Amino acid sequence: MMEQGVNPKTVAERLRHSSVVITLDTYSHVLPNIQEEAAVKFEEAMNRSAQQR
């Protein structure tokens, strides 16, 4: 589910983990590009914001 972009908190709730930390510690290996994807999304948001000014 996290590979499909589902929020880790939602995944944790579905799996009935007591904490999202457990979910992330267990399954974060499936998200090797998470930092790169976050950087791209941040840059896109900044560009949209700059264009609206």
N, C-alpha and C. Protein backbone atom coordinates (compact mmCIF):
# COMPACT_ATOMS: atom_id res chain seq x y z
N MET A 1 0.83 -1.19 0.00
CA MET A 1 0.00 0.00 0.00
C MET A 1 0.87 1.25 0.00
N MET A 2 1.96 1.23 0.74
CA MET A 2 2.82 2.41 0.77
C MET A 2 3.48 2.65 -0.59
N GLU A 3 3.78 1.58 -1.32
CA GLU A 3 4.32 1.73 -2.66
C GLU A 3 3.33 2.42 -3.59
N GLN A 4 2.06 2.33 -3.27
CA GLN A 4 1.01 2.95 -4.08
C GLN A 4 0.66 4.34 -3.57
N GLY A 5 1.41 4.84 -2.59
CA GLY A 5 1.22 6.19 -2.11
C GLY A 5 0.26 6.35 -0.94
N VAL A 6 -0.16 5.24 -0.37
CA VAL A 6 -1.05 5.32 0.80
C VAL A 6 -0.24 5.81 2.00
N ASN A 7 -0.81 6.74 2.74
CA ASN A 7 -0.16 7.31 3.90
C ASN A 7 0.21 6.21 4.89
N PRO A 8 1.45 6.22 5.42
CA PRO A 8 1.88 5.18 6.37
C PRO A 8 0.98 5.07 7.60
N LYS A 9 0.41 6.17 8.05
CA LYS A 9 -0.51 6.12 9.20
C LYS A 9 -1.73 5.27 8.86
N THR A 10 -2.24 5.42 7.66
CA THR A 10 -3.38 4.63 7.22
C THR A 10 -3.01 3.16 7.13
N VAL A 11 -1.82 2.88 6.61
CA VAL A 11 -1.34 1.50 6.52
C VAL A 11 -1.24 0.90 7.92
N ALA A 12 -0.68 1.65 8.84
CA ALA A 12 -0.54 1.16 10.22
C ALA A 12 -1.90 0.82 10.83
N GLU A 13 -2.87 1.69 10.58
CA GLU A 13 -4.20 1.43 11.11
C GLU A 13 -4.81 0.18 10.49
N ARG A 14 -4.63 0.01 9.18
CA ARG A 14 -5.16 -1.19 8.50
C ARG A 14 -4.53 -2.47 9.03
N LEU A 15 -3.23 -2.39 9.32
CA LEU A 15 -2.51 -3.56 9.82
C LEU A 15 -2.66 -3.74 11.32
N ARG A 16 -3.36 -2.78 11.95
CA ARG A 16 -3.59 -2.79 13.39
C ARG A 16 -2.29 -2.74 14.19
N HIS A 17 -1.32 -2.00 13.64
CA HIS A 17 -0.09 -1.77 14.40
C HIS A 17 -0.40 -0.73 15.47
N SER A 18 0.24 -0.86 16.60
CA SER A 18 0.01 0.07 17.69
C SER A 18 0.62 1.44 17.43
N SER A 19 1.54 1.50 16.47
CA SER A 19 2.22 2.75 16.17
C SER A 19 2.66 2.75 14.70
N VAL A 20 2.63 3.92 14.08
CA VAL A 20 3.12 4.03 12.71
C VAL A 20 4.62 3.74 12.65
N VAL A 21 5.30 3.92 13.77
CA VAL A 21 6.74 3.63 13.82
C VAL A 21 6.99 2.15 13.51
N ILE A 22 6.16 1.29 14.03
CA ILE A 22 6.30 -0.15 13.76
C ILE A 22 6.16 -0.40 12.26
N THR A 23 5.18 0.20 11.66
CA THR A 23 4.94 0.03 10.22
C THR A 23 6.13 0.53 9.42
N LEU A 24 6.60 1.72 9.74
CA LEU A 24 7.72 2.28 9.00
C LEU A 24 9.01 1.49 9.22
N ASP A 25 9.25 1.05 10.44
CA ASP A 25 10.44 0.25 10.71
C ASP A 25 10.39 -1.08 9.97
N THR A 26 9.21 -1.64 9.85
CA THR A 26 9.06 -2.95 9.21
C THR A 26 9.06 -2.87 7.70
N TYR A 27 8.42 -1.85 7.14
CA TYR A 27 8.20 -1.83 5.70
C TYR A 27 8.88 -0.69 4.94
N SER A 28 9.68 0.12 5.61
CA SER A 28 10.29 1.25 4.91
C SER A 28 11.26 0.81 3.82
N HIS A 29 11.74 -0.42 3.87
CA HIS A 29 12.65 -0.91 2.82
C HIS A 29 11.97 -0.93 1.45
N VAL A 30 10.65 -0.92 1.41
CA VAL A 30 9.96 -0.92 0.12
C VAL A 30 9.90 0.48 -0.48
N LEU A 31 10.41 1.46 0.25
CA LEU A 31 10.36 2.85 -0.20
C LEU A 31 11.76 3.45 -0.35
N PRO A 32 12.63 2.84 -1.15
CA PRO A 32 14.00 3.33 -1.23
C PRO A 32 14.12 4.73 -1.83
N ASN A 33 13.14 5.15 -2.59
CA ASN A 33 13.21 6.45 -3.25
C ASN A 33 12.38 7.51 -2.55
N ILE A 34 12.01 7.29 -1.32
CA ILE A 34 11.09 8.19 -0.64
C ILE A 34 11.67 9.60 -0.51
N GLN A 35 12.96 9.73 -0.22
CA GLN A 35 13.56 11.05 -0.09
C GLN A 35 13.58 11.78 -1.43
N GLU A 36 13.92 11.07 -2.48
CA GLU A 36 13.94 11.68 -3.81
C GLU A 36 12.54 12.12 -4.23
N GLU A 37 11.56 11.28 -4.01
CA GLU A 37 10.18 11.62 -4.37
C GLU A 37 9.69 12.82 -3.57
N ALA A 38 10.05 12.87 -2.30
CA ALA A 38 9.65 14.00 -1.46
C ALA A 38 10.29 15.30 -1.96
N ALA A 39 11.54 15.22 -2.37
CA ALA A 39 12.22 16.41 -2.88
C ALA A 39 11.58 16.90 -4.17
N VAL A 40 11.21 15.98 -5.04
CA VAL A 40 10.56 16.35 -6.30
C VAL A 40 9.21 17.01 -6.02
N LYS A 41 8.42 16.42 -5.14
CA LYS A 41 7.11 16.99 -4.81
C LYS A 41 7.25 18.37 -4.18
N PHE A 42 8.25 18.53 -3.32
CA PHE A 42 8.48 19.82 -2.69
C PHE A 42 8.84 20.87 -3.74
N GLU A 43 9.73 20.51 -4.64
CA GLU A 43 10.12 21.44 -5.70
C GLU A 43 8.93 21.82 -6.58
N GLU A 44 8.11 20.85 -6.92
CA GLU A 44 6.92 21.13 -7.73
C GLU A 44 5.98 22.09 -7.00
N ALA A 45 5.79 21.88 -5.72
CA ALA A 45 4.92 22.76 -4.94
C ALA A 45 5.49 24.17 -4.87
N MET A 46 6.80 24.27 -4.71
CA MET A 46 7.43 25.60 -4.66
C MET A 46 7.29 26.31 -6.00
N ASN A 47 7.45 25.58 -7.09
CA ASN A 47 7.30 26.16 -8.42
C ASN A 47 5.87 26.66 -8.66
N ARG A 48 4.89 25.87 -8.24
CA ARG A 48 3.48 26.31 -8.38
C ARG A 48 3.22 27.55 -7.57
N SER A 49 3.77 27.59 -6.37
CA SER A 49 3.58 28.73 -5.50
C SER A 49 4.21 29.99 -6.12
N ALA A 50 5.38 29.85 -6.67
CA ALA A 50 6.06 30.98 -7.29
C ALA A 50 5.30 31.48 -8.51
N GLN A 51 4.69 30.58 -9.26
CA GLN A 51 3.95 30.95 -10.46
C GLN A 51 2.66 31.69 -10.11
N GLN A 52 2.12 31.44 -8.94
CA GLN A 52 0.87 32.08 -8.53
C GLN A 52 1.07 33.50 -8.04
N ARG A 53 2.30 33.88 -7.81
CA ARG A 53 2.57 35.24 -7.31
C ARG A 53 2.58 36.24 -8.40
